[in-house]
Amino acid sequence: MAKFFDSPAMRESIRRLIRARMAYKGYEYKDLTRRLGEFGVVQHESNLRSKVNNGSLGAQLFLYILLALDVDVLNLGDVEALLDEVSEADASQAEGTAA
């Protein structure tokens, strides 16, 4: 059986990506919930907040969130830079706690 891949750094990168776009649009979770509803996606505000904060979204929900936030282009270089930043911060923190 295949093992489910899970990366804490990628979860944090996804969270940052969505939260940054929400801030840019001036959206709160209630606004994002409303916009998702316009696409026929029913998410309760608290459930959506939890999923985004955990960075644990299914691919379909992630894409609907990008549509709801009017993201026309997702630059994977930006995502990779976020991932590198988070990974470096995690490594620095791990070194600090190991010392």
C-alpha atoms as a PDB file:
ATOM      1  CA  MET A   1       0.000   0.000   0.000  1.00  0.00           C
ATOM      2  CA  ALA A   2       1.278   3.465  -0.908  1.00  0.00           C
ATOM      3  CA  LYS A   3       2.240   5.769   1.935  1.00  0.00           C
ATOM      4  CA  PHE A   4       0.454   9.128   2.090  1.00  0.00           C
ATOM      5  CA  PHE A   5       2.965  11.929   1.618  1.00  0.00           C
ATOM      6  CA  ASP A   6       2.705  14.738   4.116  1.00  0.00           C
ATOM      7  CA  SER A   7       5.069  17.668   4.439  1.00  0.00           C
ATOM      8  CA  PRO A   8       4.700  20.146   7.296  1.00  0.00           C
ATOM      9  CA  ALA A   9       6.696  22.679   5.254  1.00  0.00           C
ATOM     10  CA  MET A  10       4.321  22.355   2.294  1.00  0.00           C
ATOM     11  CA  ARG A  11       1.287  22.673   4.580  1.00  0.00           C
ATOM     12  CA  GLU A  12       2.726  25.924   5.954  1.00  0.00           C
ATOM     13  CA  SER A  13       3.506  27.155   2.435  1.00  0.00           C
ATOM     14  CA  ILE A  14      -0.095  26.495   1.350  1.00  0.00           C
ATOM     15  CA  ARG A  15      -1.387  28.312   4.427  1.00  0.00           C
ATOM     16  CA  ARG A  16       0.821  31.328   3.720  1.00  0.00           C
ATOM     17  CA  LEU A  17      -0.126  31.388   0.052  1.00  0.00           C
ATOM     18  CA  ILE A  18      -3.863  31.402   0.776  1.00  0.00           C
ATOM     19  CA  ARG A  19      -3.662  33.823   3.706  1.00  0.00           C
ATOM     20  CA  ALA A  20      -1.533  36.259   1.683  1.00  0.00           C
ATOM     21  CA  ARG A  21      -4.042  36.240  -1.174  1.00  0.00           C
ATOM     22  CA  MET A  22      -6.917  36.660   1.287  1.00  0.00           C
ATOM     23  CA  ALA A  23      -5.147  39.683   2.793  1.00  0.00           C
ATOM     24  CA  TYR A  24      -4.498  41.123  -0.658  1.00  0.00           C
ATOM     25  CA  LYS A  25      -8.199  40.798  -1.515  1.00  0.00           C
ATOM     26  CA  GLY A  26      -9.253  42.063   1.921  1.00  0.00           C
ATOM     27  CA  TYR A  27     -11.103  38.792   2.530  1.00  0.00           C
ATOM     28  CA  GLU A  28     -11.989  37.204   5.814  1.00  0.00           C
ATOM     29  CA  TYR A  29     -13.067  33.582   6.049  1.00  0.00           C
ATOM     30  CA  LYS A  30     -16.734  34.593   5.815  1.00  0.00           C
ATOM     31  CA  ASP A  31     -15.961  36.247   2.458  1.00  0.00           C
ATOM     32  CA  LEU A  32     -14.066  33.210   1.213  1.00  0.00           C
ATOM     33  CA  THR A  33     -16.909  30.941   2.361  1.00  0.00           C
ATOM     34  CA  ARG A  34     -19.399  33.098   0.461  1.00  0.00           C
ATOM     35  CA  ARG A  35     -17.267  33.083  -2.703  1.00  0.00           C
ATOM     36  CA  LEU A  36     -16.838  29.318  -2.524  1.00  0.00           C
ATOM     37  CA  GLY A  37     -20.614  29.022  -2.236  1.00  0.00           C
ATOM     38  CA  GLU A  38     -20.915  30.882  -5.539  1.00  0.00           C
ATOM     39  CA  PHE A  39     -19.040  27.940  -7.083  1.00  0.00           C
ATOM     40  CA  GLY A  40     -21.340  25.473  -5.356  1.00  0.00           C
ATOM     41  CA  VAL A  41     -18.728  24.548  -2.757  1.00  0.00           C
ATOM     42  CA  VAL A  42     -20.237  24.412   0.722  1.00  0.00           C
ATOM     43  CA  GLN A  43     -17.737  24.994   3.507  1.00  0.00           C
ATOM     44  CA  HIS A  44     -18.546  26.242   6.974  1.00  0.00           C
ATOM     45  CA  GLU A  45     -16.387  29.189   7.981  1.00  0.00           C
ATOM     46  CA  SER A  46     -14.844  27.418  10.988  1.00  0.00           C
ATOM     47  CA  ASN A  47     -14.145  24.266   8.982  1.00  0.00           C
ATOM     48  CA  LEU A  48     -12.538  26.274   6.183  1.00  0.00           C
ATOM     49  CA  ARG A  49     -10.412  28.219   8.679  1.00  0.00           C
ATOM     50  CA  SER A  50      -9.209  24.959  10.188  1.00  0.00           C
ATOM     51  CA  LYS A  51      -8.344  23.448   6.807  1.00  0.00           C
ATOM     52  CA  VAL A  52      -6.453  26.535   5.662  1.00  0.00           C
ATOM     53  CA  ASN A  53      -4.611  26.972   8.978  1.00  0.00           C
ATOM     54  CA  ASN A  54      -3.600  23.309   8.901  1.00  0.00           C
ATOM     55  CA  GLY A  55      -2.674  23.588   5.224  1.00  0.00           C
ATOM     56  CA  SER A  56      -4.494  20.302   4.718  1.00  0.00           C
ATOM     57  CA  LEU A  57      -6.718  20.788   1.712  1.00  0.00           C
ATOM     58  CA  GLY A  58      -7.753  18.399  -0.986  1.00  0.00           C
ATOM     59  CA  ALA A  59      -6.691  19.351  -4.492  1.00  0.00           C
ATOM     60  CA  GLN A  60     -10.243  20.208  -5.523  1.00  0.00           C
ATOM     61  CA  LEU A  61     -10.826  22.539  -2.566  1.00  0.00           C
ATOM     62  CA  PHE A  62      -7.437  24.173  -3.120  1.00  0.00           C
ATOM     63  CA  LEU A  63      -8.300  24.906  -6.746  1.00  0.00           C
ATOM     64  CA  TYR A  64     -11.736  26.229  -5.817  1.00  0.00           C
ATOM     65  CA  ILE A  65     -10.111  28.506  -3.231  1.00  0.00           C
ATOM     66  CA  LEU A  66      -7.760  29.844  -5.905  1.00  0.00           C
ATOM     67  CA  LEU A  67     -10.759  30.484  -8.168  1.00  0.00           C
ATOM     68  CA  ALA A  68     -12.659  32.157  -5.320  1.00  0.00           C
ATOM     69  CA  LEU A  69      -9.669  34.404  -4.669  1.00  0.00           C
ATOM     70  CA  ASP A  70      -9.430  35.301  -8.383  1.00  0.00           C
ATOM     71  CA  VAL A  71      -5.968  33.790  -8.765  1.00  0.00           C
ATOM     72  CA  ASP A  72      -5.383  33.737 -12.519  1.00  0.00           C
ATOM     73  CA  VAL A  73      -1.778  32.579 -12.430  1.00  0.00           C
ATOM     74  CA  LEU A  74      -0.071  30.437  -9.830  1.00  0.00           C
ATOM     75  CA  ASN A  75       3.671  30.876 -10.184  1.00  0.00           C
ATOM     76  CA  LEU A  76       5.223  27.642  -8.986  1.00  0.00           C
ATOM     77  CA  GLY A  77       8.503  29.480  -8.526  1.00  0.00           C
ATOM     78  CA  ASP A  78       6.793  31.565  -5.841  1.00  0.00           C
ATOM     79  CA  VAL A  79       5.464  28.404  -4.198  1.00  0.00           C
ATOM     80  CA  GLU A  80       8.938  26.868  -4.303  1.00  0.00           C
ATOM     81  CA  ALA A  81      10.416  30.018  -2.740  1.00  0.00           C
ATOM     82  CA  LEU A  82       7.825  29.857   0.052  1.00  0.00           C
ATOM     83  CA  LEU A  83       8.622  26.191   0.604  1.00  0.00           C
ATOM     84  CA  ASP A  84      12.355  26.935   0.759  1.00  0.00           C
ATOM     85  CA  GLU A  85      11.751  29.767   3.227  1.00  0.00           C
ATOM     86  CA  VAL A  86       9.624  27.583   5.491  1.00  0.00           C
ATOM     87  CA  SER A  87      12.056  24.664   5.248  1.00  0.00           C
ATOM     88  CA  GLU A  88      15.003  26.897   6.156  1.00  0.00           C
ATOM     89  CA  ALA A  89      13.112  28.341   9.115  1.00  0.00           C
ATOM     90  CA  ASP A  90      12.246  24.827  10.286  1.00  0.00           C
ATOM     91  CA  ALA A  91      15.886  23.761   9.957  1.00  0.00           C
ATOM     92  CA  SER A  92      17.082  26.807  11.905  1.00  0.00           C
ATOM     93  CA  GLN A  93      14.530  26.166  14.620  1.00  0.00           C
ATOM     94  CA  ALA A  94      15.545  22.503  14.824  1.00  0.00           C
ATOM     95  CA  GLU A  95      19.204  23.489  15.179  1.00  0.00           C
ATOM     96  CA  GLY A  96      18.312  25.958  17.927  1.00  0.00           C
ATOM     97  CA  THR A  97      16.409  23.357  19.938  1.00  0.00           C
ATOM     98  CA  ALA A  98      19.115  20.733  19.460  1.00  0.00           C
ATOM     99  CA  ALA A  99      21.838  22.994  20.870  1.00  0.00           C
END
